Amino acid sequence: MGAFDSSAPLKGATDSNVFTRMSWQLWGIEWGAALPFESGGFRVELSNYARAKKFVAANYATVFEEDAASSPFATDLSAAKNRYYEVFGDFFEFFHGDELAGLLVCTPTDWSTYYIRSAAMLPKFQGRRIVQHFYTNVLFPTLQRAGVERVEFDTSPSNMAMMHIATRLRFNNTGTILSERWGAMIHFTKFLATDKEEVFLRQFCAGVKYQTRERAHG
């Protein structure tokens, strides 16, 4: 199988979809084998783009405090975007009982990097740490076993809660990004490969390196 085969059967989806997920094609990851994941009264299940679009349309403007009429989540509805997410997207739904409480959207960036595009929980379910538990118990270990070297995401400089979570999960602040779509964003990287983090620390960081202290005691 090549890097892309749109005729291949879908691996690990909950609904019908004609595309094979890129995380399967690159790394052999079948997310459905690790799910459902249950913690603290929540249940995480694998989803797909068709289902995810409905949650995004109904809730993302509220969760991310944006104008629903101008939010990039709602205004870019091109066929190319649909095809991109059908092939590259991994979608995880968070349920509390029978209620859909949140959505996590991720994509491979390249052969060694995985990107968290968005993590959205309805306001009444925020603060329960279920997304963090999913990261540490399912997402990060699965990616690391598959040979993925790093996980990345971007967040607004004003999103102090997200930056606090990033620090707790041992993400490194690895840059800033300016774009016409999202404005100023802080870029974070969690290195799943120790040797890659060593390169980052050696080349770009002076002073205290808590990352090496953690490894020494871990």
N, C-alpha and C. Protein backbone atom coordinates (compact mmCIF):
# COMPACT_ATOMS: atom_id res chain seq x y z
N MET A 1 0.85 -1.20 0.00
CA MET A 1 0.00 0.00 0.00
C MET A 1 0.87 1.24 0.00
N GLY A 2 0.54 2.22 -0.81
CA GLY A 2 1.29 3.46 -0.84
C GLY A 2 0.89 4.39 0.28
N ALA A 3 1.40 5.62 0.22
CA ALA A 3 1.11 6.59 1.28
C ALA A 3 -0.36 6.96 1.31
N PHE A 4 -1.04 6.82 0.16
CA PHE A 4 -2.47 7.15 0.12
C PHE A 4 -3.17 6.21 -0.83
N ASP A 5 -4.24 5.61 -0.33
CA ASP A 5 -5.02 4.70 -1.15
C ASP A 5 -6.49 4.90 -0.82
N SER A 6 -7.17 5.73 -1.60
CA SER A 6 -8.54 6.09 -1.29
C SER A 6 -9.51 4.94 -1.50
N SER A 7 -9.07 3.86 -2.14
CA SER A 7 -9.96 2.73 -2.36
C SER A 7 -9.89 1.70 -1.25
N ALA A 8 -8.93 1.87 -0.32
CA ALA A 8 -8.76 0.88 0.74
C ALA A 8 -9.88 0.98 1.76
N PRO A 9 -10.22 -0.15 2.40
CA PRO A 9 -11.29 -0.11 3.40
C PRO A 9 -10.87 0.66 4.63
N LEU A 10 -11.85 1.26 5.31
CA LEU A 10 -11.58 2.05 6.50
C LEU A 10 -11.19 1.16 7.66
N LYS A 11 -10.18 1.57 8.40
CA LYS A 11 -9.74 0.84 9.57
C LYS A 11 -10.20 1.56 10.82
N GLY A 12 -10.90 0.87 11.71
CA GLY A 12 -11.21 1.38 13.03
C GLY A 12 -12.20 2.50 13.07
N ALA A 13 -13.22 2.52 12.24
CA ALA A 13 -14.21 3.57 12.27
C ALA A 13 -15.50 3.05 12.87
N THR A 14 -16.31 3.95 13.41
CA THR A 14 -17.58 3.56 13.98
C THR A 14 -18.71 3.69 12.97
N ASP A 15 -18.55 4.53 11.97
CA ASP A 15 -19.56 4.71 10.93
C ASP A 15 -18.94 4.40 9.57
N SER A 16 -19.76 4.36 8.54
CA SER A 16 -19.23 4.08 7.21
C SER A 16 -18.39 5.23 6.70
N ASN A 17 -17.34 4.90 6.01
CA ASN A 17 -16.42 5.90 5.47
C ASN A 17 -15.54 5.19 4.46
N VAL A 18 -15.29 5.79 3.31
CA VAL A 18 -14.58 5.08 2.25
C VAL A 18 -13.07 5.22 2.36
N PHE A 19 -12.56 5.99 3.33
CA PHE A 19 -11.13 6.26 3.40
C PHE A 19 -10.47 5.47 4.53
N THR A 20 -9.23 5.07 4.29
CA THR A 20 -8.41 4.48 5.33
C THR A 20 -7.74 5.61 6.11
N ARG A 21 -7.81 5.56 7.41
CA ARG A 21 -7.21 6.62 8.23
C ARG A 21 -5.70 6.66 8.01
N MET A 22 -5.16 7.88 7.95
CA MET A 22 -3.74 8.03 7.70
C MET A 22 -2.90 7.50 8.86
N SER A 23 -3.41 7.55 10.08
CA SER A 23 -2.66 7.00 11.21
C SER A 23 -2.48 5.49 11.08
N TRP A 24 -3.42 4.83 10.39
CA TRP A 24 -3.24 3.40 10.11
C TRP A 24 -2.22 3.20 9.00
N GLN A 25 -2.32 4.00 7.93
CA GLN A 25 -1.42 3.84 6.80
C GLN A 25 0.03 4.13 7.19
N LEU A 26 0.26 5.12 8.05
CA LEU A 26 1.62 5.50 8.44
C LEU A 26 2.20 4.57 9.50
N TRP A 27 1.40 4.30 10.54
CA TRP A 27 1.95 3.65 11.74
C TRP A 27 1.25 2.35 12.13
N GLY A 28 0.21 1.97 11.39
CA GLY A 28 -0.50 0.76 11.75
C GLY A 28 -1.34 0.89 13.00
N ILE A 29 -1.71 2.13 13.36
CA ILE A 29 -2.51 2.35 14.56
C ILE A 29 -3.98 2.16 14.23
N GLU A 30 -4.62 1.26 14.93
CA GLU A 30 -6.05 1.05 14.82
C GLU A 30 -6.68 1.50 16.14
N TRP A 31 -7.11 2.74 16.18
CA TRP A 31 -7.59 3.33 17.43
C TRP A 31 -8.74 2.54 18.04
N GLY A 32 -9.55 1.94 17.19
CA GLY A 32 -10.68 1.20 17.71
C GLY A 32 -10.28 0.05 18.62
N ALA A 33 -9.06 -0.46 18.45
CA ALA A 33 -8.59 -1.56 19.30
C ALA A 33 -8.33 -1.11 20.73
N ALA A 34 -8.09 0.19 20.93
CA ALA A 34 -7.81 0.71 22.27
C ALA A 34 -9.05 1.32 22.94
N LEU A 35 -10.17 1.27 22.24
CA LEU A 35 -11.38 1.93 22.73
C LEU A 35 -12.53 0.92 22.81
N PRO A 36 -13.55 1.19 23.65
CA PRO A 36 -13.73 2.42 24.41
C PRO A 36 -12.80 2.50 25.63
N PHE A 37 -12.51 3.71 26.03
CA PHE A 37 -11.74 3.99 27.24
C PHE A 37 -12.68 4.65 28.24
N GLU A 38 -12.69 4.16 29.47
CA GLU A 38 -13.59 4.69 30.49
C GLU A 38 -12.81 5.20 31.69
N SER A 39 -13.21 6.37 32.19
CA SER A 39 -12.55 6.97 33.34
C SER A 39 -13.45 8.05 33.93
N GLY A 40 -13.62 8.02 35.24
CA GLY A 40 -14.34 9.08 35.94
C GLY A 40 -15.75 9.31 35.46
N GLY A 41 -16.43 8.26 35.05
CA GLY A 41 -17.79 8.40 34.57
C GLY A 41 -17.92 8.78 33.11
N PHE A 42 -16.78 8.91 32.41
CA PHE A 42 -16.78 9.23 30.98
C PHE A 42 -16.38 8.00 30.17
N ARG A 43 -16.80 8.00 28.93
CA ARG A 43 -16.46 6.94 27.99
C ARG A 43 -15.99 7.57 26.69
N VAL A 44 -14.85 7.14 26.18
CA VAL A 44 -14.29 7.67 24.94
C VAL A 44 -14.45 6.64 23.85
N GLU A 45 -15.03 7.06 22.72
CA GLU A 45 -15.24 6.18 21.58
C GLU A 45 -14.67 6.81 20.32
N LEU A 46 -14.28 5.96 19.39
CA LEU A 46 -13.79 6.43 18.10
C LEU A 46 -14.96 6.91 17.25
N SER A 47 -14.77 8.02 16.55
CA SER A 47 -15.81 8.57 15.70
C SER A 47 -15.25 8.82 14.31
N ASN A 48 -15.93 9.64 13.51
CA ASN A 48 -15.44 9.99 12.19
C ASN A 48 -15.87 11.42 11.85
N TYR A 49 -15.45 11.86 10.69
CA TYR A 49 -15.66 13.27 10.33
C TYR A 49 -17.14 13.62 10.21
N ALA A 50 -17.93 12.73 9.66
CA ALA A 50 -19.35 13.02 9.49
C ALA A 50 -20.02 13.32 10.83
N ARG A 51 -19.69 12.55 11.85
CA ARG A 51 -20.26 12.78 13.17
C ARG A 51 -19.63 14.01 13.84
N ALA A 52 -18.31 14.15 13.66
CA ALA A 52 -17.61 15.26 14.30
C ALA A 52 -18.11 16.61 13.80
N LYS A 53 -18.43 16.70 12.51
CA LYS A 53 -18.90 17.97 11.95
C LYS A 53 -20.14 18.49 12.67
N LYS A 54 -21.00 17.58 13.08
CA LYS A 54 -22.23 17.99 13.75
C LYS A 54 -21.92 18.61 15.11
N PHE A 55 -20.99 18.01 15.85
CA PHE A 55 -20.62 18.57 17.15
C PHE A 55 -19.92 19.90 16.99
N VAL A 56 -19.04 19.99 15.99
CA VAL A 56 -18.33 21.25 15.74
C VAL A 56 -19.32 22.37 15.42
N ALA A 57 -20.26 22.09 14.52
CA ALA A 57 -21.23 23.11 14.12
C ALA A 57 -22.10 23.56 15.29
N ALA A 58 -22.45 22.64 16.15
CA ALA A 58 -23.37 22.95 17.24
C ALA A 58 -22.69 23.59 18.44
N ASN A 59 -21.38 23.31 18.65
CA ASN A 59 -20.79 23.66 19.94
C ASN A 59 -19.47 24.42 19.93
N TYR A 60 -18.71 24.40 18.83
CA TYR A 60 -17.36 24.96 18.89
C TYR A 60 -17.35 26.47 19.13
N ALA A 61 -18.27 27.19 18.55
CA ALA A 61 -18.30 28.63 18.77
C ALA A 61 -18.48 28.95 20.25
N THR A 62 -19.32 28.18 20.92
CA THR A 62 -19.53 28.40 22.35
C THR A 62 -18.31 28.00 23.17
N VAL A 63 -17.77 26.82 22.89
CA VAL A 63 -16.64 26.32 23.66
C VAL A 63 -15.43 27.23 23.52
N PHE A 64 -15.17 27.72 22.30
CA PHE A 64 -13.98 28.55 22.05
C PHE A 64 -14.28 30.05 22.06
N GLU A 65 -15.50 30.39 22.49
CA GLU A 65 -15.90 31.79 22.70
C GLU A 65 -15.67 32.62 21.44
N GLU A 66 -16.22 32.14 20.33
CA GLU A 66 -16.08 32.82 19.04
C GLU A 66 -17.45 33.21 18.49
N ASP A 67 -17.43 34.14 17.57
CA ASP A 67 -18.64 34.52 16.84
C ASP A 67 -18.98 33.39 15.87
N ALA A 68 -20.13 32.77 16.04
CA ALA A 68 -20.50 31.63 15.22
C ALA A 68 -20.53 31.97 13.73
N ALA A 69 -20.81 33.22 13.38
CA ALA A 69 -20.92 33.61 11.98
C ALA A 69 -19.57 33.77 11.30
N SER A 70 -18.51 34.03 12.08
CA SER A 70 -17.20 34.29 11.48
C SER A 70 -16.12 33.30 11.92
N SER A 71 -16.45 32.36 12.77
CA SER A 71 -15.46 31.41 13.27
C SER A 71 -14.87 30.59 12.12
N PRO A 72 -13.55 30.41 12.09
CA PRO A 72 -12.94 29.55 11.05
C PRO A 72 -13.48 28.12 11.08
N PHE A 73 -13.95 27.68 12.24
CA PHE A 73 -14.52 26.34 12.34
C PHE A 73 -15.78 26.21 11.48
N ALA A 74 -16.49 27.34 11.30
CA ALA A 74 -17.78 27.30 10.61
C ALA A 74 -17.73 27.82 9.18
N THR A 75 -16.73 28.62 8.86
CA THR A 75 -16.74 29.30 7.56
C THR A 75 -15.98 28.56 6.47
N ASP A 76 -15.02 27.71 6.82
CA ASP A 76 -14.28 26.95 5.81
C ASP A 76 -14.92 25.58 5.66
N LEU A 77 -15.79 25.44 4.67
CA LEU A 77 -16.53 24.19 4.48
C LEU A 77 -16.26 23.61 3.09
N SER A 78 -15.03 23.77 2.62
CA SER A 78 -14.69 23.37 1.25
C SER A 78 -14.63 21.84 1.11
N ALA A 79 -14.73 21.40 -0.13
CA ALA A 79 -14.60 19.97 -0.42
C ALA A 79 -13.21 19.47 -0.07
N ALA A 80 -12.20 20.31 -0.26
CA ALA A 80 -10.83 19.92 0.07
C ALA A 80 -10.68 19.68 1.57
N LYS A 81 -11.31 20.54 2.37
CA LYS A 81 -11.27 20.34 3.82
C LYS A 81 -11.95 19.04 4.21
N ASN A 82 -13.09 18.76 3.60
CA ASN A 82 -13.79 17.51 3.90
C ASN A 82 -12.91 16.30 3.58
N ARG A 83 -12.28 16.34 2.42
CA ARG A 83 -11.45 15.20 2.02
C ARG A 83 -10.24 15.08 2.94
N TYR A 84 -9.65 16.21 3.31
CA TYR A 84 -8.50 16.19 4.23
C TYR A 84 -8.85 15.48 5.52
N TYR A 85 -9.96 15.88 6.13
CA TYR A 85 -10.33 15.29 7.42
C TYR A 85 -10.78 13.84 7.29
N GLU A 86 -11.38 13.50 6.17
CA GLU A 86 -11.78 12.11 5.98
C GLU A 86 -10.58 11.17 5.91
N VAL A 87 -9.48 11.68 5.38
CA VAL A 87 -8.28 10.86 5.24
C VAL A 87 -7.36 10.99 6.45
N PHE A 88 -7.12 12.20 6.91
CA PHE A 88 -6.12 12.44 7.95
C PHE A 88 -6.70 12.47 9.36
N GLY A 89 -7.99 12.69 9.50
CA GLY A 89 -8.55 12.95 10.81
C GLY A 89 -8.75 11.71 11.67
N ASP A 90 -8.40 11.83 12.95
CA ASP A 90 -8.78 10.88 13.99
C ASP A 90 -9.72 11.62 14.94
N PHE A 91 -10.89 11.07 15.17
CA PHE A 91 -11.93 11.76 15.94
C PHE A 91 -12.33 10.90 17.12
N PHE A 92 -12.30 11.50 18.30
CA PHE A 92 -12.61 10.78 19.53
C PHE A 92 -13.74 11.52 20.25
N GLU A 93 -14.83 10.80 20.50
CA GLU A 93 -15.98 11.39 21.18
C GLU A 93 -15.96 11.01 22.65
N PHE A 94 -16.29 11.99 23.50
CA PHE A 94 -16.32 11.79 24.95
C PHE A 94 -17.77 11.83 25.41
N PHE A 95 -18.22 10.74 25.99
CA PHE A 95 -19.59 10.63 26.47
C PHE A 95 -19.62 10.63 27.99
N HIS A 96 -20.65 11.28 28.53
CA HIS A 96 -20.96 11.16 29.96
C HIS A 96 -22.35 10.55 30.03
N GLY A 97 -22.41 9.26 30.35
CA GLY A 97 -23.66 8.54 30.17
C GLY A 97 -23.97 8.46 28.68
N ASP A 98 -25.16 8.87 28.31
CA ASP A 98 -25.55 8.87 26.90
C ASP A 98 -25.34 10.23 26.24
N GLU A 99 -24.84 11.20 26.99
CA GLU A 99 -24.69 12.55 26.46
C GLU A 99 -23.30 12.75 25.87
N LEU A 100 -23.25 13.29 24.65
CA LEU A 100 -21.97 13.62 24.02
C LEU A 100 -21.42 14.88 24.68
N ALA A 101 -20.31 14.72 25.41
CA ALA A 101 -19.77 15.80 26.23
C ALA A 101 -18.62 16.54 25.58
N GLY A 102 -17.93 15.91 24.62
CA GLY A 102 -16.77 16.57 24.05
C GLY A 102 -16.23 15.83 22.84
N LEU A 103 -15.27 16.47 22.20
CA LEU A 103 -14.68 15.95 20.96
C LEU A 103 -13.21 16.30 20.91
N LEU A 104 -12.41 15.31 20.54
CA LEU A 104 -10.98 15.51 20.30
C LEU A 104 -10.70 15.21 18.84
N VAL A 105 -10.01 16.15 18.16
CA VAL A 105 -9.69 15.99 16.74
C VAL A 105 -8.16 16.05 16.58
N CYS A 106 -7.60 15.01 15.98
CA CYS A 106 -6.15 14.93 15.78
C CYS A 106 -5.84 14.50 14.35
N THR A 107 -4.64 14.82 13.89
CA THR A 107 -4.18 14.40 12.57
C THR A 107 -2.68 14.13 12.58
N PRO A 108 -2.20 13.18 11.81
CA PRO A 108 -0.76 13.08 11.57
C PRO A 108 -0.28 14.35 10.84
N THR A 109 0.87 14.86 11.26
CA THR A 109 1.49 15.97 10.55
C THR A 109 2.43 15.46 9.47
N ASP A 110 3.22 14.48 9.83
CA ASP A 110 4.10 13.80 8.89
C ASP A 110 4.35 12.40 9.44
N TRP A 111 5.39 11.73 9.00
CA TRP A 111 5.67 10.35 9.38
C TRP A 111 6.12 10.20 10.83
N SER A 112 6.43 11.31 11.52
CA SER A 112 6.96 11.20 12.88
C SER A 112 6.24 12.10 13.89
N THR A 113 5.23 12.84 13.44
CA THR A 113 4.61 13.86 14.28
C THR A 113 3.10 13.76 14.23
N TYR A 114 2.47 13.89 15.39
CA TYR A 114 1.01 13.83 15.53
C TYR A 114 0.54 15.16 16.09
N TYR A 115 -0.56 15.67 15.54
CA TYR A 115 -1.02 17.02 15.89
C TYR A 115 -2.41 16.97 16.52
N ILE A 116 -2.55 17.60 17.67
CA ILE A 116 -3.85 17.76 18.32
C ILE A 116 -4.47 19.04 17.77
N ARG A 117 -5.48 18.91 16.94
CA ARG A 117 -6.05 20.07 16.27
C ARG A 117 -7.04 20.80 17.18
N SER A 118 -7.82 20.06 17.93
CA SER A 118 -8.74 20.71 18.87
C SER A 118 -9.21 19.70 19.89
N ALA A 119 -9.45 20.20 21.10
CA ALA A 119 -10.04 19.41 22.17
C ALA A 119 -11.12 20.28 22.80
N ALA A 120 -12.35 19.86 22.67
CA ALA A 120 -13.48 20.69 23.10
C ALA A 120 -14.41 19.90 24.01
N MET A 121 -14.61 20.42 25.21
CA MET A 121 -15.58 19.86 26.14
C MET A 121 -16.67 20.89 26.40
N LEU A 122 -17.91 20.44 26.44
CA LEU A 122 -18.99 21.35 26.78
C LEU A 122 -18.72 21.97 28.15
N PRO A 123 -19.09 23.24 28.33
CA PRO A 123 -18.74 23.95 29.57
C PRO A 123 -19.08 23.19 30.86
N LYS A 124 -20.20 22.53 30.91
CA LYS A 124 -20.60 21.87 32.16
C LYS A 124 -19.76 20.63 32.48
N PHE A 125 -18.97 20.16 31.49
CA PHE A 125 -18.11 19.01 31.73
C PHE A 125 -16.63 19.39 31.83
N GLN A 126 -16.31 20.65 31.73
CA GLN A 126 -14.92 21.08 31.80
C GLN A 126 -14.40 20.95 33.23
N GLY A 127 -13.09 20.77 33.35
CA GLY A 127 -12.46 20.65 34.66
C GLY A 127 -12.44 19.25 35.21
N ARG A 128 -12.92 18.26 34.46
CA ARG A 128 -12.95 16.88 34.95
C ARG A 128 -11.68 16.09 34.60
N ARG A 129 -10.83 16.66 33.76
CA ARG A 129 -9.54 16.07 33.36
C ARG A 129 -9.68 14.79 32.55
N ILE A 130 -10.82 14.55 31.96
CA ILE A 130 -10.98 13.33 31.20
C ILE A 130 -10.11 13.33 29.95
N VAL A 131 -9.94 14.50 29.31
CA VAL A 131 -9.10 14.55 28.11
C VAL A 131 -7.65 14.25 28.48
N GLN A 132 -7.18 14.82 29.60
CA GLN A 132 -5.82 14.54 30.05
C GLN A 132 -5.63 13.07 30.37
N HIS A 133 -6.63 12.45 30.99
CA HIS A 133 -6.53 11.02 31.30
C HIS A 133 -6.47 10.20 30.02
N PHE A 134 -7.22 10.61 29.02
CA PHE A 134 -7.17 9.91 27.73
C PHE A 134 -5.79 10.07 27.09
N TYR A 135 -5.23 11.27 27.16
CA TYR A 135 -3.90 11.48 26.61
C TYR A 135 -2.89 10.52 27.25
N THR A 136 -2.84 10.51 28.56
CA THR A 136 -1.78 9.78 29.26
C THR A 136 -2.00 8.27 29.27
N ASN A 137 -3.23 7.81 29.18
CA ASN A 137 -3.52 6.38 29.24
C ASN A 137 -3.68 5.71 27.88
N VAL A 138 -4.06 6.48 26.87
CA VAL A 138 -4.33 5.90 25.56
C VAL A 138 -3.52 6.57 24.45
N LEU A 139 -3.71 7.87 24.26
CA LEU A 139 -3.14 8.54 23.09
C LEU A 139 -1.62 8.49 23.07
N PHE A 140 -0.97 9.01 24.12
CA PHE A 140 0.49 9.08 24.11
C PHE A 140 1.13 7.69 24.09
N PRO A 141 0.69 6.74 24.93
CA PRO A 141 1.33 5.41 24.88
C PRO A 141 1.16 4.70 23.54
N THR A 142 -0.02 4.85 22.93
CA THR A 142 -0.25 4.20 21.63
C THR A 142 0.67 4.78 20.56
N LEU A 143 0.77 6.10 20.53
CA LEU A 143 1.65 6.75 19.55
C LEU A 143 3.11 6.38 19.79
N GLN A 144 3.52 6.36 21.05
CA GLN A 144 4.91 6.04 21.35
C GLN A 144 5.26 4.62 20.94
N ARG A 145 4.37 3.67 21.21
CA ARG A 145 4.62 2.29 20.80
C ARG A 145 4.71 2.15 19.28
N ALA A 146 4.01 3.02 18.56
CA ALA A 146 4.02 2.97 17.10
C ALA A 146 5.24 3.67 16.51
N GLY A 147 6.05 4.31 17.34
CA GLY A 147 7.25 4.97 16.85
C GLY A 147 7.09 6.44 16.54
N VAL A 148 5.96 7.04 16.90
CA VAL A 148 5.77 8.47 16.70
C VAL A 148 6.69 9.22 17.67
N GLU A 149 7.35 10.26 17.20
CA GLU A 149 8.40 10.91 17.98
C GLU A 149 7.91 12.11 18.79
N ARG A 150 6.80 12.72 18.38
CA ARG A 150 6.35 13.93 19.08
C ARG A 150 4.86 14.16 18.84
N VAL A 151 4.24 14.86 19.79
CA VAL A 151 2.86 15.32 19.67
C VAL A 151 2.87 16.83 19.82
N GLU A 152 2.12 17.54 18.97
CA GLU A 152 2.15 18.99 18.98
C GLU A 152 0.74 19.57 19.00
N PHE A 153 0.64 20.79 19.48
CA PHE A 153 -0.61 21.55 19.36
C PHE A 153 -0.28 23.03 19.50
N ASP A 154 -1.24 23.86 19.13
CA ASP A 154 -1.12 25.32 19.26
C ASP A 154 -2.28 25.84 20.08
N THR A 155 -2.03 26.92 20.83
CA THR A 155 -3.10 27.54 21.60
C THR A 155 -2.88 29.04 21.69
N SER A 156 -3.94 29.76 21.94
CA SER A 156 -3.85 31.21 22.07
C SER A 156 -3.05 31.61 23.31
N PRO A 157 -2.27 32.69 23.25
CA PRO A 157 -1.54 33.16 24.44
C PRO A 157 -2.47 33.50 25.61
N SER A 158 -3.74 33.76 25.32
CA SER A 158 -4.68 34.09 26.39
C SER A 158 -5.32 32.86 27.02
N ASN A 159 -5.08 31.70 26.45
CA ASN A 159 -5.68 30.47 26.99
C ASN A 159 -4.78 29.91 28.09
N MET A 160 -4.84 30.56 29.25
CA MET A 160 -3.96 30.18 30.35
C MET A 160 -4.24 28.77 30.85
N ALA A 161 -5.50 28.36 30.82
CA ALA A 161 -5.83 27.02 31.28
C ALA A 161 -5.16 25.96 30.41
N MET A 162 -5.19 26.16 29.10
CA MET A 162 -4.58 25.19 28.20
C MET A 162 -3.07 25.16 28.37
N MET A 163 -2.44 26.31 28.59
CA MET A 163 -1.00 26.33 28.78
C MET A 163 -0.61 25.67 30.10
N HIS A 164 -1.46 25.80 31.11
CA HIS A 164 -1.20 25.12 32.38
C HIS A 164 -1.29 23.60 32.19
N ILE A 165 -2.29 23.15 31.45
CA ILE A 165 -2.43 21.73 31.16
C ILE A 165 -1.22 21.22 30.37
N ALA A 166 -0.77 22.02 29.41
CA ALA A 166 0.39 21.62 28.61
C ALA A 166 1.62 21.41 29.48
N THR A 167 1.84 22.29 30.43
CA THR A 167 2.98 22.15 31.33
C THR A 167 2.84 20.90 32.19
N ARG A 168 1.64 20.66 32.68
CA ARG A 168 1.40 19.48 33.51
C ARG A 168 1.67 18.19 32.73
N LEU A 169 1.36 18.21 31.44
CA LEU A 169 1.56 17.03 30.59
C LEU A 169 2.96 16.96 30.00
N ARG A 170 3.83 17.87 30.42
CA ARG A 170 5.23 17.90 29.99
C ARG A 170 5.40 18.21 28.51
N PHE A 171 4.58 19.14 28.01
CA PHE A 171 4.83 19.71 26.70
C PHE A 171 5.87 20.82 26.84
N ASN A 172 6.67 21.00 25.81
CA ASN A 172 7.64 22.09 25.75
C ASN A 172 7.09 23.21 24.86
N ASN A 173 7.31 24.44 25.28
CA ASN A 173 6.99 25.58 24.43
C ASN A 173 8.07 25.68 23.36
N THR A 174 7.69 25.39 22.12
CA THR A 174 8.69 25.30 21.06
C THR A 174 8.56 26.38 19.98
N GLY A 175 7.72 27.39 20.21
CA GLY A 175 7.67 28.47 19.23
C GLY A 175 6.38 29.25 19.27
N THR A 176 6.29 30.24 18.38
CA THR A 176 5.07 31.03 18.20
C THR A 176 4.73 31.06 16.71
N ILE A 177 3.45 31.20 16.44
CA ILE A 177 2.95 31.20 15.07
C ILE A 177 2.01 32.37 14.89
N LEU A 178 2.10 33.05 13.76
CA LEU A 178 1.16 34.11 13.39
C LEU A 178 0.48 33.70 12.09
N SER A 179 -0.85 33.72 12.08
CA SER A 179 -1.56 33.36 10.86
C SER A 179 -2.80 34.21 10.71
N GLU A 180 -3.30 34.29 9.47
CA GLU A 180 -4.51 35.09 9.21
C GLU A 180 -5.76 34.38 9.73
N ARG A 181 -5.66 33.07 9.96
CA ARG A 181 -6.83 32.33 10.43
C ARG A 181 -7.00 32.39 11.94
N TRP A 182 -5.88 32.24 12.66
CA TRP A 182 -5.98 32.08 14.11
C TRP A 182 -5.28 33.17 14.90
N GLY A 183 -4.58 34.08 14.23
CA GLY A 183 -3.87 35.12 14.96
C GLY A 183 -2.59 34.57 15.57
N ALA A 184 -2.22 35.08 16.76
CA ALA A 184 -1.02 34.62 17.45
C ALA A 184 -1.31 33.34 18.22
N MET A 185 -0.41 32.37 18.05
CA MET A 185 -0.57 31.09 18.74
C MET A 185 0.77 30.66 19.33
N ILE A 186 0.70 29.99 20.49
CA ILE A 186 1.88 29.41 21.11
C ILE A 186 1.94 27.94 20.70
N HIS A 187 3.11 27.51 20.24
CA HIS A 187 3.28 26.13 19.76
C HIS A 187 3.91 25.28 20.87
N PHE A 188 3.31 24.11 21.11
CA PHE A 188 3.79 23.20 22.15
C PHE A 188 4.12 21.85 21.55
N THR A 189 5.17 21.22 22.09
CA THR A 189 5.60 19.90 21.63
C THR A 189 5.86 19.00 22.82
N LYS A 190 5.26 17.82 22.80
CA LYS A 190 5.60 16.76 23.76
C LYS A 190 6.43 15.74 23.02
N PHE A 191 7.65 15.56 23.46
CA PHE A 191 8.54 14.61 22.80
C PHE A 191 8.28 13.21 23.36
N LEU A 192 7.92 12.30 22.48
CA LEU A 192 7.75 10.91 22.87
C LEU A 192 9.05 10.13 22.74
N ALA A 193 10.01 10.70 22.01
CA ALA A 193 11.34 10.11 21.85
C ALA A 193 12.34 10.94 22.64
N THR A 194 12.97 10.34 23.63
CA THR A 194 13.88 11.06 24.52
C THR A 194 15.02 11.72 23.77
N ASP A 195 15.56 11.05 22.75
CA ASP A 195 16.70 11.63 22.03
C ASP A 195 16.31 12.90 21.29
N LYS A 196 15.05 13.00 20.83
CA LYS A 196 14.61 14.22 20.16
C LYS A 196 14.48 15.37 21.16
N GLU A 197 13.99 15.07 22.35
CA GLU A 197 13.90 16.11 23.37
C GLU A 197 15.29 16.57 23.81
N GLU A 198 16.25 15.65 23.85
CA GLU A 198 17.62 16.02 24.20
C GLU A 198 18.18 17.02 23.20
N VAL A 199 17.90 16.83 21.93
CA VAL A 199 18.36 17.77 20.91
C VAL A 199 17.76 19.15 21.16
N PHE A 200 16.45 19.19 21.42
CA PHE A 200 15.79 20.47 21.68
C PHE A 200 16.39 21.16 22.89
N LEU A 201 16.58 20.44 23.97
CA LEU A 201 17.11 21.04 25.20
C LEU A 201 18.54 21.53 25.00
N ARG A 202 19.33 20.76 24.28
CA ARG A 202 20.74 21.12 24.08
C ARG A 202 20.88 22.35 23.18
N GLN A 203 20.07 22.43 22.13
CA GLN A 203 20.24 23.49 21.15
C GLN A 203 19.52 24.79 21.50
N PHE A 204 18.43 24.70 22.26
CA PHE A 204 17.59 25.88 22.42
C PHE A 204 17.31 26.30 23.87
N CYS A 205 17.74 25.52 24.86
CA CYS A 205 17.35 25.81 26.24
C CYS A 205 18.57 25.99 27.13
N ALA A 206 18.55 27.06 27.92
CA ALA A 206 19.59 27.30 28.91
C ALA A 206 18.97 27.25 30.30
N GLY A 207 19.81 27.10 31.32
CA GLY A 207 19.30 27.13 32.69
C GLY A 207 18.68 25.81 33.11
N VAL A 208 17.68 25.91 33.97
CA VAL A 208 17.05 24.72 34.55
C VAL A 208 16.33 23.91 33.48
N LYS A 209 16.52 22.61 33.52
CA LYS A 209 15.86 21.69 32.58
C LYS A 209 15.10 20.64 33.39
N TYR A 210 13.86 20.96 33.69
CA TYR A 210 13.04 20.05 34.50
C TYR A 210 12.79 18.72 33.78
N GLN A 211 12.85 18.74 32.46
CA GLN A 211 12.60 17.52 31.71
C GLN A 211 13.60 16.43 32.08
N THR A 212 14.88 16.81 32.23
CA THR A 212 15.89 15.81 32.57
C THR A 212 15.76 15.37 34.02
N ARG A 213 15.31 16.27 34.90
CA ARG A 213 15.09 15.87 36.29
C ARG A 213 13.99 14.80 36.37
N GLU A 214 12.94 15.01 35.60
CA GLU A 214 11.84 14.04 35.62
C GLU A 214 12.30 12.69 35.15
N ARG A 215 13.11 12.66 34.08
CA ARG A 215 13.59 11.37 33.57
C ARG A 215 14.51 10.70 34.57
N ALA A 216 15.29 11.48 35.31
CA ALA A 216 16.22 10.92 36.30
C ALA A 216 15.48 10.24 37.44
N HIS A 217 14.27 10.76 37.74
CA HIS A 217 13.49 10.19 38.85
C HIS A 217 12.38 9.28 38.37
N GLY A 218 12.28 9.13 37.02
CA GLY A 218 11.17 8.35 36.49
C GLY A 218 11.53 6.97 36.07
